[in-house]
Amino acid sequence: MGDMLIRGINPELKRRLEESARLNRRSLSEEAVVLIQKGFATQFAGAEKVGDRLYSLVGDDRFTSDEIQEIARSRSEADRGPPDFR
């Protein structure tokens, strides 16, 4: 594994990192690596395209032609009021 030296750390940031490392029972270096990994995971988690996410949910399922016709028909209907759940 490679090493990295980070200079110019704000004292408050260093204190928070030390506290986090202590709470998680990790060395300062281990805690920094974990937090950097989490940061990248969070940063790139939102990079997934919406279409890809939808496809991952529905897979190869498709609307049938009857369902598509029903959707088209419902679009031309007058708006309905909200349902009565009483």
N, C-alpha and C. Protein backbone atom coordinates (compact mmCIF):
# COMPACT_ATOMS: atom_id res chain seq x y z
N MET A 1 0.83 -1.18 0.00
CA MET A 1 0.00 0.00 0.00
C MET A 1 0.88 1.24 0.00
N GLY A 2 0.35 2.27 -0.60
CA GLY A 2 1.08 3.52 -0.65
C GLY A 2 0.84 4.36 0.59
N ASP A 3 1.69 5.34 0.77
CA ASP A 3 1.56 6.27 1.89
C ASP A 3 1.22 7.65 1.35
N MET A 4 0.63 8.46 2.21
CA MET A 4 0.28 9.82 1.83
C MET A 4 0.48 10.74 3.02
N LEU A 5 1.05 11.88 2.77
CA LEU A 5 1.23 12.90 3.80
C LEU A 5 0.27 14.04 3.46
N ILE A 6 -0.54 14.41 4.41
CA ILE A 6 -1.48 15.52 4.19
C ILE A 6 -1.02 16.69 5.05
N ARG A 7 -0.75 17.80 4.40
CA ARG A 7 -0.26 18.98 5.11
C ARG A 7 -1.37 20.01 5.24
N GLY A 8 -1.18 20.89 6.18
CA GLY A 8 -2.09 22.02 6.33
C GLY A 8 -3.46 21.64 6.88
N ILE A 9 -3.52 20.61 7.72
CA ILE A 9 -4.80 20.21 8.31
C ILE A 9 -5.21 21.24 9.36
N ASN A 10 -6.42 21.68 9.26
CA ASN A 10 -6.99 22.59 10.25
C ASN A 10 -6.99 21.89 11.60
N PRO A 11 -6.58 22.56 12.68
CA PRO A 11 -6.53 21.91 14.00
C PRO A 11 -7.87 21.32 14.44
N GLU A 12 -8.96 21.97 14.13
CA GLU A 12 -10.28 21.45 14.50
C GLU A 12 -10.59 20.16 13.73
N LEU A 13 -10.24 20.14 12.46
CA LEU A 13 -10.45 18.94 11.65
C LEU A 13 -9.61 17.78 12.20
N LYS A 14 -8.38 18.08 12.57
CA LYS A 14 -7.51 17.04 13.13
C LYS A 14 -8.08 16.52 14.45
N ARG A 15 -8.59 17.41 15.27
CA ARG A 15 -9.18 17.00 16.54
C ARG A 15 -10.38 16.08 16.31
N ARG A 16 -11.22 16.45 15.33
CA ARG A 16 -12.39 15.63 15.02
C ARG A 16 -11.99 14.27 14.48
N LEU A 17 -10.96 14.24 13.66
CA LEU A 17 -10.45 12.98 13.13
C LEU A 17 -9.90 12.10 14.25
N GLU A 18 -9.16 12.71 15.16
CA GLU A 18 -8.62 11.97 16.31
C GLU A 18 -9.74 11.41 17.17
N GLU A 19 -10.76 12.20 17.40
CA GLU A 19 -11.90 11.76 18.21
C GLU A 19 -12.63 10.60 17.53
N SER A 20 -12.84 10.73 16.24
CA SER A 20 -13.51 9.68 15.48
C SER A 20 -12.69 8.39 15.50
N ALA A 21 -11.39 8.52 15.34
CA ALA A 21 -10.50 7.34 15.39
C ALA A 21 -10.57 6.68 16.76
N ARG A 22 -10.58 7.49 17.80
CA ARG A 22 -10.64 6.95 19.16
C ARG A 22 -11.95 6.21 19.38
N LEU A 23 -13.06 6.81 18.97
CA LEU A 23 -14.37 6.19 19.15
C LEU A 23 -14.50 4.88 18.37
N ASN A 24 -13.86 4.82 17.22
CA ASN A 24 -13.94 3.64 16.36
C ASN A 24 -12.78 2.66 16.58
N ARG A 25 -11.94 3.00 17.55
CA ARG A 25 -10.78 2.16 17.89
C ARG A 25 -9.91 1.86 16.69
N ARG A 26 -9.59 2.94 15.98
CA ARG A 26 -8.71 2.84 14.82
C ARG A 26 -7.56 3.82 15.00
N SER A 27 -6.51 3.57 14.26
CA SER A 27 -5.41 4.54 14.25
C SER A 27 -5.88 5.76 13.46
N LEU A 28 -5.14 6.83 13.59
CA LEU A 28 -5.46 8.05 12.86
C LEU A 28 -5.44 7.78 11.35
N SER A 29 -4.44 7.05 10.89
CA SER A 29 -4.34 6.72 9.46
C SER A 29 -5.50 5.84 9.01
N GLU A 30 -5.84 4.83 9.80
CA GLU A 30 -6.95 3.94 9.44
C GLU A 30 -8.26 4.73 9.35
N GLU A 31 -8.46 5.61 10.30
CA GLU A 31 -9.70 6.41 10.31
C GLU A 31 -9.75 7.33 9.10
N ALA A 32 -8.62 7.93 8.75
CA ALA A 32 -8.58 8.81 7.58
C ALA A 32 -8.92 8.02 6.32
N VAL A 33 -8.36 6.82 6.19
CA VAL A 33 -8.64 5.99 5.01
C VAL A 33 -10.13 5.64 4.95
N VAL A 34 -10.71 5.23 6.07
CA VAL A 34 -12.13 4.87 6.11
C VAL A 34 -12.99 6.06 5.70
N LEU A 35 -12.69 7.23 6.24
CA LEU A 35 -13.49 8.42 5.93
C LEU A 35 -13.33 8.84 4.47
N ILE A 36 -12.14 8.71 3.93
CA ILE A 36 -11.92 9.03 2.51
C ILE A 36 -12.73 8.06 1.64
N GLN A 37 -12.69 6.77 1.99
CA GLN A 37 -13.46 5.77 1.23
C GLN A 37 -14.96 6.07 1.29
N LYS A 38 -15.45 6.41 2.47
CA LYS A 38 -16.87 6.75 2.62
C LYS A 38 -17.22 7.98 1.80
N GLY A 39 -16.33 8.95 1.81
CA GLY A 39 -16.56 10.17 1.04
C GLY A 39 -16.69 9.89 -0.45
N PHE A 40 -15.80 9.06 -0.98
CA PHE A 40 -15.87 8.71 -2.39
C PHE A 40 -17.11 7.88 -2.69
N ALA A 41 -17.46 6.96 -1.79
CA ALA A 41 -18.65 6.14 -2.01
C ALA A 41 -19.89 7.02 -2.08
N THR A 42 -19.98 8.00 -1.20
CA THR A 42 -21.12 8.92 -1.18
C THR A 42 -21.12 9.80 -2.43
N GLN A 43 -19.96 10.29 -2.79
CA GLN A 43 -19.84 11.18 -3.94
C GLN A 43 -20.29 10.49 -5.22
N PHE A 44 -19.89 9.25 -5.40
CA PHE A 44 -20.19 8.57 -6.64
C PHE A 44 -21.49 7.78 -6.60
N ALA A 45 -22.10 7.66 -5.44
CA ALA A 45 -23.38 6.95 -5.34
C ALA A 45 -24.45 7.69 -6.14
N GLY A 46 -24.42 9.01 -6.10
CA GLY A 46 -25.40 9.81 -6.82
C GLY A 46 -25.11 9.93 -8.29
N ALA A 47 -23.97 9.40 -8.75
CA ALA A 47 -23.60 9.52 -10.14
C ALA A 47 -24.35 8.53 -11.03
N GLU A 48 -25.05 7.58 -10.41
CA GLU A 48 -25.80 6.61 -11.19
C GLU A 48 -26.92 7.33 -11.95
N LYS A 49 -27.06 7.00 -13.20
CA LYS A 49 -28.10 7.63 -14.01
C LYS A 49 -29.47 7.10 -13.61
N VAL A 50 -30.46 7.95 -13.70
CA VAL A 50 -31.81 7.59 -13.29
C VAL A 50 -32.32 6.41 -14.11
N GLY A 51 -32.08 6.43 -15.39
CA GLY A 51 -32.52 5.32 -16.24
C GLY A 51 -31.90 4.00 -15.83
N ASP A 52 -30.61 4.03 -15.49
CA ASP A 52 -29.93 2.82 -15.04
C ASP A 52 -30.54 2.32 -13.74
N ARG A 53 -30.87 3.24 -12.85
CA ARG A 53 -31.48 2.85 -11.57
C ARG A 53 -32.86 2.22 -11.80
N LEU A 54 -33.66 2.84 -12.67
CA LEU A 54 -34.97 2.28 -12.96
C LEU A 54 -34.85 0.89 -13.60
N TYR A 55 -33.92 0.76 -14.53
CA TYR A 55 -33.72 -0.53 -15.18
C TYR A 55 -33.31 -1.59 -14.16
N SER A 56 -32.48 -1.21 -13.19
CA SER A 56 -32.06 -2.18 -12.18
C SER A 56 -33.25 -2.64 -11.33
N LEU A 57 -34.26 -1.80 -11.22
CA LEU A 57 -35.45 -2.15 -10.43
C LEU A 57 -36.42 -3.04 -11.21
N VAL A 58 -36.60 -2.76 -12.50
CA VAL A 58 -37.61 -3.50 -13.27
C VAL A 58 -37.01 -4.57 -14.17
N GLY A 59 -35.72 -4.51 -14.42
CA GLY A 59 -35.08 -5.52 -15.26
C GLY A 59 -35.66 -5.53 -16.65
N ASP A 60 -35.99 -6.71 -17.12
CA ASP A 60 -36.51 -6.86 -18.48
C ASP A 60 -38.03 -6.82 -18.55
N ASP A 61 -38.69 -6.51 -17.44
CA ASP A 61 -40.16 -6.42 -17.45
C ASP A 61 -40.58 -5.24 -18.33
N ARG A 62 -41.61 -5.46 -19.10
CA ARG A 62 -42.13 -4.41 -19.99
C ARG A 62 -43.64 -4.35 -19.84
N PHE A 63 -44.22 -3.18 -20.18
CA PHE A 63 -45.67 -3.06 -20.23
C PHE A 63 -46.18 -3.91 -21.39
N THR A 64 -47.33 -4.51 -21.19
CA THR A 64 -47.97 -5.22 -22.30
C THR A 64 -48.65 -4.18 -23.17
N SER A 65 -49.03 -4.57 -24.38
CA SER A 65 -49.70 -3.62 -25.27
C SER A 65 -51.04 -3.19 -24.67
N ASP A 66 -51.72 -4.10 -23.96
CA ASP A 66 -52.98 -3.73 -23.31
C ASP A 66 -52.74 -2.66 -22.24
N GLU A 67 -51.67 -2.82 -21.47
CA GLU A 67 -51.36 -1.83 -20.43
C GLU A 67 -51.03 -0.48 -21.04
N ILE A 68 -50.30 -0.48 -22.13
CA ILE A 68 -49.95 0.78 -22.80
C ILE A 68 -51.21 1.46 -23.33
N GLN A 69 -52.13 0.68 -23.91
CA GLN A 69 -53.39 1.25 -24.41
C GLN A 69 -54.22 1.82 -23.26
N GLU A 70 -54.24 1.14 -22.13
CA GLU A 70 -54.99 1.61 -20.97
C GLU A 70 -54.39 2.92 -20.44
N ILE A 71 -53.08 3.01 -20.42
CA ILE A 71 -52.42 4.25 -19.98
C ILE A 71 -52.79 5.39 -20.92
N ALA A 72 -52.73 5.14 -22.22
CA ALA A 72 -53.08 6.17 -23.20
C ALA A 72 -54.54 6.60 -23.04
N ARG A 73 -55.43 5.63 -22.81
CA ARG A 73 -56.85 5.95 -22.63
C ARG A 73 -57.06 6.80 -21.38
N SER A 74 -56.38 6.44 -20.30
CA SER A 74 -56.58 7.17 -19.04
C SER A 74 -56.07 8.61 -19.13
N ARG A 75 -55.14 8.86 -20.02
CA ARG A 75 -54.62 10.23 -20.16
C ARG A 75 -55.64 11.18 -20.77
N SER A 76 -56.59 10.63 -21.52
CA SER A 76 -57.60 11.50 -22.14
C SER A 76 -58.86 11.63 -21.29
N GLU A 77 -58.93 10.92 -20.15
CA GLU A 77 -60.08 11.03 -19.26
C GLU A 77 -60.04 12.35 -18.49
N ALA A 78 -61.22 12.78 -18.08
CA ALA A 78 -61.28 13.97 -17.22
C ALA A 78 -60.61 13.64 -15.89
N ASP A 79 -60.06 14.66 -15.27
CA ASP A 79 -59.42 14.45 -13.97
C ASP A 79 -60.45 13.96 -12.96
N ARG A 80 -60.01 13.05 -12.12
CA ARG A 80 -60.89 12.53 -11.08
C ARG A 80 -60.56 13.20 -9.76
N GLY A 81 -61.54 13.22 -8.88
CA GLY A 81 -61.31 13.73 -7.54
C GLY A 81 -60.52 12.71 -6.73
N PRO A 82 -60.06 13.11 -5.58
CA PRO A 82 -59.32 12.18 -4.73
C PRO A 82 -60.25 11.09 -4.21
N PRO A 83 -59.73 9.90 -3.95
CA PRO A 83 -60.58 8.82 -3.45
C PRO A 83 -61.09 9.12 -2.05
N ASP A 84 -62.25 8.56 -1.74
CA ASP A 84 -62.85 8.72 -0.41
C ASP A 84 -62.52 7.47 0.40
N PHE A 85 -61.68 7.61 1.41
CA PHE A 85 -61.23 6.47 2.20
C PHE A 85 -62.07 6.24 3.45
N ARG A 86 -63.23 6.86 3.54
CA ARG A 86 -64.07 6.65 4.72
C ARG A 86 -64.70 5.32 4.75
